[in-house]
Amino acid sequence: MVSYSTTLEEQHIGMKIHRYIQYACRPGIVKTAIKVALIVGTILAVINHGDSIVEGTMESGDWLRVALTYLVPYSVSTYSAVKVLQRAADA
């Protein structure tokens, strides 16, 4: 027989994830993370792929790496902002 009850620890983790998502979706955090991603992502994309973009030799896998180049600073900015809000709420 399978039990579908959750432990207090699982409930706590679920609440933390829910709170994280609520913070991460705040308009101010999203707006800031997009700005950071556009600036930092563009700099990194030019450093890492600029020559291939200019030469027109980018392949589909290269474009995927460029997209990830923007995703990383977005994620870091969001994570940092959420952690600040969580620490402030827990204080």
C-alpha atoms as a PDB file:
ATOM      1  CA  MET A   1       0.000   0.000   0.000  1.00  0.00           C
ATOM      2  CA  VAL A   2       1.333   3.444  -0.931  1.00  0.00           C
ATOM      3  CA  SER A   3       1.009   6.288   1.536  1.00  0.00           C
ATOM      4  CA  TYR A   4       0.365   9.740   0.097  1.00  0.00           C
ATOM      5  CA  SER A   5       0.755  11.647   3.332  1.00  0.00           C
ATOM      6  CA  THR A   6       3.538  14.182   3.500  1.00  0.00           C
ATOM      7  CA  THR A   7       5.928  14.697   6.333  1.00  0.00           C
ATOM      8  CA  LEU A   8       6.365  18.022   8.071  1.00  0.00           C
ATOM      9  CA  GLU A   9       9.761  18.343   6.390  1.00  0.00           C
ATOM     10  CA  GLU A  10       8.203  17.856   2.941  1.00  0.00           C
ATOM     11  CA  GLN A  11       5.530  20.441   3.769  1.00  0.00           C
ATOM     12  CA  HIS A  12       8.223  22.860   4.940  1.00  0.00           C
ATOM     13  CA  ILE A  13      10.206  22.370   1.728  1.00  0.00           C
ATOM     14  CA  GLY A  14       7.043  22.883  -0.321  1.00  0.00           C
ATOM     15  CA  MET A  15       6.301  26.121   1.523  1.00  0.00           C
ATOM     16  CA  LYS A  16       9.870  27.350   0.948  1.00  0.00           C
ATOM     17  CA  ILE A  17       9.619  26.607  -2.771  1.00  0.00           C
ATOM     18  CA  HIS A  18       6.249  28.339  -2.956  1.00  0.00           C
ATOM     19  CA  ARG A  19       7.635  31.419  -1.189  1.00  0.00           C
ATOM     20  CA  TYR A  20      10.699  31.415  -3.479  1.00  0.00           C
ATOM     21  CA  ILE A  21       8.489  31.366  -6.580  1.00  0.00           C
ATOM     22  CA  GLN A  22       6.310  34.159  -5.198  1.00  0.00           C
ATOM     23  CA  TYR A  23       9.371  36.343  -4.624  1.00  0.00           C
ATOM     24  CA  ALA A  24      10.978  35.406  -7.966  1.00  0.00           C
ATOM     25  CA  CYS A  25       7.822  36.433  -9.861  1.00  0.00           C
ATOM     26  CA  ARG A  26       7.607  39.894  -8.313  1.00  0.00           C
ATOM     27  CA  PRO A  27       7.615  42.493 -11.100  1.00  0.00           C
ATOM     28  CA  GLY A  28      10.545  44.412  -9.621  1.00  0.00           C
ATOM     29  CA  ILE A  29      12.710  41.309  -9.376  1.00  0.00           C
ATOM     30  CA  VAL A  30      11.805  40.156 -12.879  1.00  0.00           C
ATOM     31  CA  LYS A  31      12.477  43.618 -14.331  1.00  0.00           C
ATOM     32  CA  THR A  32      15.862  43.887 -12.650  1.00  0.00           C
ATOM     33  CA  ALA A  33      16.840  40.339 -13.624  1.00  0.00           C
ATOM     34  CA  ILE A  34      15.947  41.043 -17.264  1.00  0.00           C
ATOM     35  CA  LYS A  35      18.098  44.186 -17.255  1.00  0.00           C
ATOM     36  CA  VAL A  36      21.019  42.298 -15.713  1.00  0.00           C
ATOM     37  CA  ALA A  37      20.607  39.441 -18.188  1.00  0.00           C
ATOM     38  CA  LEU A  38      20.519  41.785 -21.176  1.00  0.00           C
ATOM     39  CA  ILE A  39      23.627  43.679 -20.110  1.00  0.00           C
ATOM     40  CA  VAL A  40      25.749  40.825 -18.751  1.00  0.00           C
ATOM     41  CA  GLY A  41      24.450  38.295 -21.278  1.00  0.00           C
ATOM     42  CA  THR A  42      25.271  40.575 -24.202  1.00  0.00           C
ATOM     43  CA  ILE A  43      28.785  41.191 -22.909  1.00  0.00           C
ATOM     44  CA  LEU A  44      29.362  37.464 -22.433  1.00  0.00           C
ATOM     45  CA  ALA A  45      27.802  36.586 -25.798  1.00  0.00           C
ATOM     46  CA  VAL A  46      30.072  39.065 -27.579  1.00  0.00           C
ATOM     47  CA  ILE A  47      33.140  37.771 -25.723  1.00  0.00           C
ATOM     48  CA  ASN A  48      32.300  34.114 -26.351  1.00  0.00           C
ATOM     49  CA  HIS A  49      30.578  34.191 -29.759  1.00  0.00           C
ATOM     50  CA  GLY A  50      31.168  37.621 -31.284  1.00  0.00           C
ATOM     51  CA  ASP A  51      33.468  36.449 -34.048  1.00  0.00           C
ATOM     52  CA  SER A  52      31.105  33.655 -35.106  1.00  0.00           C
ATOM     53  CA  ILE A  53      28.116  36.010 -35.076  1.00  0.00           C
ATOM     54  CA  VAL A  54      29.914  38.589 -37.227  1.00  0.00           C
ATOM     55  CA  GLU A  55      31.225  35.921 -39.611  1.00  0.00           C
ATOM     56  CA  GLY A  56      27.781  34.321 -39.848  1.00  0.00           C
ATOM     57  CA  THR A  57      29.101  30.893 -38.887  1.00  0.00           C
ATOM     58  CA  MET A  58      26.771  30.290 -35.950  1.00  0.00           C
ATOM     59  CA  GLU A  59      25.056  26.912 -35.872  1.00  0.00           C
ATOM     60  CA  SER A  60      21.951  25.876 -33.932  1.00  0.00           C
ATOM     61  CA  GLY A  61      23.993  24.550 -31.012  1.00  0.00           C
ATOM     62  CA  ASP A  62      25.847  27.857 -30.829  1.00  0.00           C
ATOM     63  CA  TRP A  63      22.572  29.773 -30.592  1.00  0.00           C
ATOM     64  CA  LEU A  64      21.478  27.508 -27.756  1.00  0.00           C
ATOM     65  CA  ARG A  65      24.690  28.380 -25.905  1.00  0.00           C
ATOM     66  CA  VAL A  66      24.004  32.091 -26.509  1.00  0.00           C
ATOM     67  CA  ALA A  67      20.517  31.675 -25.006  1.00  0.00           C
ATOM     68  CA  LEU A  68      22.050  29.980 -21.965  1.00  0.00           C
ATOM     69  CA  THR A  69      24.505  32.861 -21.747  1.00  0.00           C
ATOM     70  CA  TYR A  70      21.515  35.132 -21.051  1.00  0.00           C
ATOM     71  CA  LEU A  71      19.775  32.646 -18.764  1.00  0.00           C
ATOM     72  CA  VAL A  72      22.669  32.412 -16.319  1.00  0.00           C
ATOM     73  CA  PRO A  73      22.810  36.096 -15.280  1.00  0.00           C
ATOM     74  CA  TYR A  74      18.994  36.185 -15.129  1.00  0.00           C
ATOM     75  CA  SER A  75      19.017  33.220 -12.767  1.00  0.00           C
ATOM     76  CA  VAL A  76      21.814  34.590 -10.598  1.00  0.00           C
ATOM     77  CA  SER A  77      20.136  37.993 -10.301  1.00  0.00           C
ATOM     78  CA  THR A  78      16.804  36.410  -9.400  1.00  0.00           C
ATOM     79  CA  TYR A  79      18.346  34.037  -6.881  1.00  0.00           C
ATOM     80  CA  SER A  80      20.284  36.840  -5.188  1.00  0.00           C
ATOM     81  CA  ALA A  81      17.256  39.110  -4.915  1.00  0.00           C
ATOM     82  CA  VAL A  82      15.057  36.329  -3.559  1.00  0.00           C
ATOM     83  CA  LYS A  83      17.648  35.354  -0.945  1.00  0.00           C
ATOM     84  CA  VAL A  84      17.792  38.970   0.281  1.00  0.00           C
ATOM     85  CA  LEU A  85      14.003  39.072   0.611  1.00  0.00           C
ATOM     86  CA  GLN A  86      13.902  35.704   2.371  1.00  0.00           C
ATOM     87  CA  ARG A  87      16.555  36.750   4.868  1.00  0.00           C
ATOM     88  CA  ALA A  88      14.729  40.026   5.535  1.00  0.00           C
ATOM     89  CA  ALA A  89      11.453  38.164   6.082  1.00  0.00           C
ATOM     90  CA  ASP A  90      13.113  35.668   8.433  1.00  0.00           C
ATOM     91  CA  ALA A  91      14.820  38.370  10.512  1.00  0.00           C
END
